[in-house]
C-alpha cells in the first residue's frame, strides 16, 4: 500500500526544526475546542514562521519533521489538527513517545526515519511512501528508508483508528 502526497518540510533556516512540542503544534489556549474539525485551523498555532500553515495545507499533504516531534504533553488535539487538515502522513527523525502512540491510535501514518534530512526531498515535492516496507520514493526512485509500520500499527491504520480496529477484533 502506498501513500502519495505533497511535502512540507517543517524547517527554519533550511534545517528541520527539532523538539517541536505539542504546545507549538496546538497551543494550550485552544484546548477548549472539542470539535475535531475546528482543530484544523490551529495547527502550528504556536510555532514561529508556521502559523499560516492551515491556510496553505491541502488534503493528502505529508509532513517531514525533525527530532523529538510531538514531545511534551499528551494533548490529542496535536494529532487531531493534522487529521482534520487531511495530512496523510508524518515522516520524522524521531517522535515523542506519547505523540507517537496517539498518532498510531488515531490512524495517522507516522514513520521514523533518522536520516530523512539527508534525502533529496523539498517542500512542494510529490513523494510516495510504501507503508509496509518504509520505502520513500520521489520520481520513482527510493530516496529514503523509514522504519516500516509494525503489523499492529498497519492494522490500526487500515481500520482507520484503534477503536475501529478493536471493533473488528471483538468476537
C-alpha atoms as a PDB file:
ATOM      1  CA  UNK A   1       0.000   0.000   0.000  1.00  0.00           C
ATOM      2  CA  UNK A   2       1.305   3.436  -0.945  1.00  0.00           C
ATOM      3  CA  UNK A   3       0.657   6.898   0.464  1.00  0.00           C
ATOM      4  CA  UNK A   4       1.128   9.731  -2.019  1.00  0.00           C
ATOM      5  CA  UNK A   5       1.267  13.418  -1.276  1.00  0.00           C
ATOM      6  CA  UNK A   6       2.907  16.806  -1.447  1.00  0.00           C
ATOM      7  CA  UNK A   7       5.661  17.501   1.079  1.00  0.00           C
ATOM      8  CA  UNK A   8       6.005  20.187   3.744  1.00  0.00           C
ATOM      9  CA  UNK A   9       9.451  20.265   5.377  1.00  0.00           C
ATOM     10  CA  UNK A  10       8.889  21.885   8.776  1.00  0.00           C
ATOM     11  CA  UNK A  11      12.115  23.835   8.921  1.00  0.00           C
ATOM     12  CA  UNK A  12      13.735  27.111   9.832  1.00  0.00           C
ATOM     13  CA  UNK A  13      16.814  28.489   8.097  1.00  0.00           C
ATOM     14  CA  UNK A  14      16.996  25.392   5.888  1.00  0.00           C
ATOM     15  CA  UNK A  15      17.104  22.893   8.784  1.00  0.00           C
ATOM     16  CA  UNK A  16      14.342  20.683  10.135  1.00  0.00           C
ATOM     17  CA  UNK A  17      13.122  22.045  13.461  1.00  0.00           C
ATOM     18  CA  UNK A  18      13.824  19.685  16.381  1.00  0.00           C
ATOM     19  CA  UNK A  19      11.836  19.425  19.613  1.00  0.00           C
ATOM     20  CA  UNK A  20       8.521  20.776  18.314  1.00  0.00           C
ATOM     21  CA  UNK A  21       6.322  20.151  21.320  1.00  0.00           C
ATOM     22  CA  UNK A  22       2.569  19.673  21.466  1.00  0.00           C
ATOM     23  CA  UNK A  23       2.087  23.265  22.639  1.00  0.00           C
ATOM     24  CA  UNK A  24       3.779  24.508  19.450  1.00  0.00           C
ATOM     25  CA  UNK A  25       1.610  22.196  17.370  1.00  0.00           C
ATOM     26  CA  UNK A  26      -1.653  23.094  19.126  1.00  0.00           C
ATOM     27  CA  UNK A  27      -1.446  25.964  21.603  1.00  0.00           C
ATOM     28  CA  UNK A  28      -2.985  25.410  25.030  1.00  0.00           C
ATOM     29  CA  UNK A  29      -5.191  28.490  24.671  1.00  0.00           C
ATOM     30  CA  UNK A  30      -7.294  26.478  22.185  1.00  0.00           C
ATOM     31  CA  UNK A  31      -7.751  23.383  24.360  1.00  0.00           C
ATOM     32  CA  UNK A  32     -11.390  24.300  24.928  1.00  0.00           C
ATOM     33  CA  UNK A  33     -12.126  23.348  21.299  1.00  0.00           C
ATOM     34  CA  UNK A  34     -13.727  19.916  21.243  1.00  0.00           C
ATOM     35  CA  UNK A  35     -14.885  19.759  17.619  1.00  0.00           C
ATOM     36  CA  UNK A  36     -12.111  17.848  15.809  1.00  0.00           C
ATOM     37  CA  UNK A  37     -12.805  19.649  12.530  1.00  0.00           C
ATOM     38  CA  UNK A  38     -12.273  23.011  14.262  1.00  0.00           C
ATOM     39  CA  UNK A  39      -8.805  21.959  15.441  1.00  0.00           C
ATOM     40  CA  UNK A  40      -7.507  22.165  11.860  1.00  0.00           C
ATOM     41  CA  UNK A  41      -7.223  25.945  11.823  1.00  0.00           C
ATOM     42  CA  UNK A  42      -4.930  25.948  14.863  1.00  0.00           C
ATOM     43  CA  UNK A  43      -2.232  23.540  13.615  1.00  0.00           C
ATOM     44  CA  UNK A  44       1.201  25.031  14.384  1.00  0.00           C
ATOM     45  CA  UNK A  45      -0.581  27.969  16.051  1.00  0.00           C
ATOM     46  CA  UNK A  46       2.375  28.464  18.383  1.00  0.00           C
ATOM     47  CA  UNK A  47       5.286  27.755  16.027  1.00  0.00           C
ATOM     48  CA  UNK A  48       7.005  30.868  14.717  1.00  0.00           C
ATOM     49  CA  UNK A  49       7.008  31.013  10.949  1.00  0.00           C
ATOM     50  CA  UNK A  50       4.345  28.319  10.594  1.00  0.00           C
ATOM     51  CA  UNK A  51       1.171  29.915  11.993  1.00  0.00           C
ATOM     52  CA  UNK A  52      -0.326  30.226   8.495  1.00  0.00           C
ATOM     53  CA  UNK A  53       0.171  26.517   7.765  1.00  0.00           C
ATOM     54  CA  UNK A  54      -3.556  25.661   7.946  1.00  0.00           C
ATOM     55  CA  UNK A  55      -4.260  28.097   5.105  1.00  0.00           C
ATOM     56  CA  UNK A  56      -1.559  26.514   2.915  1.00  0.00           C
ATOM     57  CA  UNK A  57      -2.054  22.815   3.683  1.00  0.00           C
ATOM     58  CA  UNK A  58      -4.061  20.602   1.369  1.00  0.00           C
ATOM     59  CA  UNK A  59      -5.662  17.210   1.725  1.00  0.00           C
ATOM     60  CA  UNK A  60      -3.100  14.366   1.387  1.00  0.00           C
ATOM     61  CA  UNK A  61      -0.058  16.515   2.258  1.00  0.00           C
ATOM     62  CA  UNK A  62       2.876  14.851   4.030  1.00  0.00           C
ATOM     63  CA  UNK A  63       4.960  16.498   6.761  1.00  0.00           C
ATOM     64  CA  UNK A  64       8.685  15.975   7.208  1.00  0.00           C
ATOM     65  CA  UNK A  65       9.814  16.909  10.713  1.00  0.00           C
ATOM     66  CA  UNK A  66      12.942  16.864  12.877  1.00  0.00           C
ATOM     67  CA  UNK A  67      13.834  15.016  16.056  1.00  0.00           C
ATOM     68  CA  UNK A  68      11.515  14.543  19.013  1.00  0.00           C
ATOM     69  CA  UNK A  69       8.420  15.809  17.185  1.00  0.00           C
ATOM     70  CA  UNK A  70       5.392  16.000  19.458  1.00  0.00           C
ATOM     71  CA  UNK A  71       7.312  15.954  22.731  1.00  0.00           C
ATOM     72  CA  UNK A  72       5.543  17.359  25.762  1.00  0.00           C
ATOM     73  CA  UNK A  73       2.003  16.702  26.893  1.00  0.00           C
ATOM     74  CA  UNK A  74      -0.399  14.038  25.703  1.00  0.00           C
ATOM     75  CA  UNK A  75      -2.678  16.564  24.018  1.00  0.00           C
ATOM     76  CA  UNK A  76      -4.812  14.711  21.477  1.00  0.00           C
ATOM     77  CA  UNK A  77      -5.550  17.919  19.556  1.00  0.00           C
ATOM     78  CA  UNK A  78      -1.906  17.921  18.382  1.00  0.00           C
ATOM     79  CA  UNK A  79      -2.772  14.835  16.319  1.00  0.00           C
ATOM     80  CA  UNK A  80      -6.382  15.746  15.526  1.00  0.00           C
ATOM     81  CA  UNK A  81      -5.454  19.082  13.949  1.00  0.00           C
ATOM     82  CA  UNK A  82      -3.395  17.302  11.279  1.00  0.00           C
ATOM     83  CA  UNK A  83      -6.034  14.649  10.672  1.00  0.00           C
ATOM     84  CA  UNK A  84      -8.623  17.406  10.286  1.00  0.00           C
ATOM     85  CA  UNK A  85      -6.416  19.153   7.722  1.00  0.00           C
ATOM     86  CA  UNK A  86      -6.219  15.895   5.777  1.00  0.00           C
ATOM     87  CA  UNK A  87      -2.494  15.384   6.418  1.00  0.00           C
ATOM     88  CA  UNK A  88      -1.786  11.892   5.130  1.00  0.00           C
ATOM     89  CA  UNK A  89       1.484  11.098   6.919  1.00  0.00           C
ATOM     90  CA  UNK A  90       4.307  12.485   9.029  1.00  0.00           C
ATOM     91  CA  UNK A  91       7.902  11.402   8.464  1.00  0.00           C
ATOM     92  CA  UNK A  92      10.175  12.376  11.337  1.00  0.00           C
ATOM     93  CA  UNK A  93      13.683  11.804  12.573  1.00  0.00           C
ATOM     94  CA  UNK A  94      12.036  10.751  15.865  1.00  0.00           C
ATOM     95  CA  UNK A  95       8.816  11.322  17.810  1.00  0.00           C
ATOM     96  CA  UNK A  96       7.834  11.950  21.401  1.00  0.00           C
ATOM     97  CA  UNK A  97       6.594   8.629  22.824  1.00  0.00           C
ATOM     98  CA  UNK A  98       3.096   9.788  23.767  1.00  0.00           C
ATOM     99  CA  UNK A  99       2.624  11.659  20.495  1.00  0.00           C
ATOM    100  CA  UNK A 100       3.670   8.581  18.536  1.00  0.00           C
ATOM    101  CA  UNK A 101       1.172   6.394  20.379  1.00  0.00           C
ATOM    102  CA  UNK A 102      -1.643   8.968  19.981  1.00  0.00           C
ATOM    103  CA  UNK A 103      -0.923   9.256  16.241  1.00  0.00           C
ATOM    104  CA  UNK A 104      -0.902   5.484  15.722  1.00  0.00           C
ATOM    105  CA  UNK A 105      -4.090   5.025  17.751  1.00  0.00           C
ATOM    106  CA  UNK A 106      -5.775   7.803  15.743  1.00  0.00           C
ATOM    107  CA  UNK A 107      -4.843   6.243  12.413  1.00  0.00           C
ATOM    108  CA  UNK A 108      -2.323   8.899  11.403  1.00  0.00           C
ATOM    109  CA  UNK A 109       0.533   7.323   9.447  1.00  0.00           C
ATOM    110  CA  UNK A 110       3.849   8.222  11.040  1.00  0.00           C
ATOM    111  CA  UNK A 111       7.275   6.986  10.035  1.00  0.00           C
ATOM    112  CA  UNK A 112      10.577   7.250  11.865  1.00  0.00           C
ATOM    113  CA  UNK A 113      13.430   8.000   9.500  1.00  0.00           C
ATOM    114  CA  UNK A 114      16.547   9.265  11.314  1.00  0.00           C
ATOM    115  CA  UNK A 115      18.211  10.221   8.009  1.00  0.00           C
ATOM    116  CA  UNK A 116      15.233  11.994   6.401  1.00  0.00           C
ATOM    117  CA  UNK A 117      17.090  15.322   6.430  1.00  0.00           C
ATOM    118  CA  UNK A 118      19.667  13.801   4.063  1.00  0.00           C
ATOM    119  CA  UNK A 119      17.069  12.748   1.480  1.00  0.00           C
ATOM    120  CA  UNK A 120      16.630  14.834  -1.654  1.00  0.00           C
ATOM    121  CA  UNK A 121      13.122  15.986  -0.719  1.00  0.00           C
ATOM    122  CA  UNK A 122      11.991  19.608  -0.653  1.00  0.00           C
ATOM    123  CA  UNK A 123       8.768  21.350   0.263  1.00  0.00           C
ATOM    124  CA  UNK A 124       6.385  21.006  -2.653  1.00  0.00           C
ATOM    125  CA  UNK A 125       7.839  17.731  -3.927  1.00  0.00           C
ATOM    126  CA  UNK A 126       5.476  14.822  -4.513  1.00  0.00           C
ATOM    127  CA  UNK A 127       6.523  11.606  -2.789  1.00  0.00           C
ATOM    128  CA  UNK A 128       5.192   8.121  -2.182  1.00  0.00           C
ATOM    129  CA  UNK A 129       5.613   6.010   0.934  1.00  0.00           C
ATOM    130  CA  UNK A 130       5.436   2.221   0.817  1.00  0.00           C
ATOM    131  CA  UNK A 131       3.861   1.766   4.242  1.00  0.00           C
ATOM    132  CA  UNK A 132       4.661  -1.938   4.512  1.00  0.00           C
ATOM    133  CA  UNK A 133       8.372  -1.565   3.768  1.00  0.00           C
ATOM    134  CA  UNK A 134       9.075   2.027   4.837  1.00  0.00           C
ATOM    135  CA  UNK A 135      10.481   2.976   1.446  1.00  0.00           C
ATOM    136  CA  UNK A 136      10.116   6.623   0.427  1.00  0.00           C
ATOM    137  CA  UNK A 137      10.035   7.347  -3.297  1.00  0.00           C
ATOM    138  CA  UNK A 138      10.482  10.536  -5.299  1.00  0.00           C
ATOM    139  CA  UNK A 139      10.231  10.466  -9.076  1.00  0.00           C
ATOM    140  CA  UNK A 140      10.019   6.672  -8.992  1.00  0.00           C
ATOM    141  CA  UNK A 141      13.265   6.096  -7.099  1.00  0.00           C
ATOM    142  CA  UNK A 142      13.919   5.312  -3.440  1.00  0.00           C
ATOM    143  CA  UNK A 143      15.301   8.401  -1.669  1.00  0.00           C
ATOM    144  CA  UNK A 144      14.990   7.251   1.972  1.00  0.00           C
ATOM    145  CA  UNK A 145      14.110   4.259   4.127  1.00  0.00           C
ATOM    146  CA  UNK A 146      11.993   4.676   7.231  1.00  0.00           C
ATOM    147  CA  UNK A 147      11.104   2.077   9.815  1.00  0.00           C
ATOM    148  CA  UNK A 148       8.101   0.275   8.326  1.00  0.00           C
ATOM    149  CA  UNK A 149       4.838   0.121  10.225  1.00  0.00           C
ATOM    150  CA  UNK A 150       4.549  -2.806  12.615  1.00  0.00           C
ATOM    151  CA  UNK A 151       1.867  -5.398  11.896  1.00  0.00           C
ATOM    152  CA  UNK A 152      -0.475  -3.966  14.544  1.00  0.00           C
ATOM    153  CA  UNK A 153       0.226  -0.362  13.514  1.00  0.00           C
ATOM    154  CA  UNK A 154      -0.592  -1.319   9.931  1.00  0.00           C
ATOM    155  CA  UNK A 155      -3.840  -2.982  11.018  1.00  0.00           C
ATOM    156  CA  UNK A 156      -4.864   0.067  13.072  1.00  0.00           C
ATOM    157  CA  UNK A 157      -4.051   2.361  10.117  1.00  0.00           C
ATOM    158  CA  UNK A 158      -6.042   0.225   7.676  1.00  0.00           C
ATOM    159  CA  UNK A 159      -9.008   0.112  10.080  1.00  0.00           C
ATOM    160  CA  UNK A 160      -8.956   3.908  10.457  1.00  0.00           C
ATOM    161  CA  UNK A 161      -8.071   4.124  14.158  1.00  0.00           C
ATOM    162  CA  UNK A 162      -7.730   1.994  17.285  1.00  0.00           C
ATOM    163  CA  UNK A 163     -11.458   1.992  18.104  1.00  0.00           C
ATOM    164  CA  UNK A 164     -12.413   0.748  14.636  1.00  0.00           C
ATOM    165  CA  UNK A 165      -9.627  -1.829  14.800  1.00  0.00           C
ATOM    166  CA  UNK A 166     -10.880  -3.059  18.195  1.00  0.00           C
ATOM    167  CA  UNK A 167     -14.430  -3.462  16.850  1.00  0.00           C
ATOM    168  CA  UNK A 168     -13.109  -5.802  14.173  1.00  0.00           C
ATOM    169  CA  UNK A 169     -11.181  -7.802  16.779  1.00  0.00           C
ATOM    170  CA  UNK A 170     -14.149  -8.367  19.095  1.00  0.00           C
ATOM    171  CA  UNK A 171     -15.832 -11.798  18.964  1.00  0.00           C
END
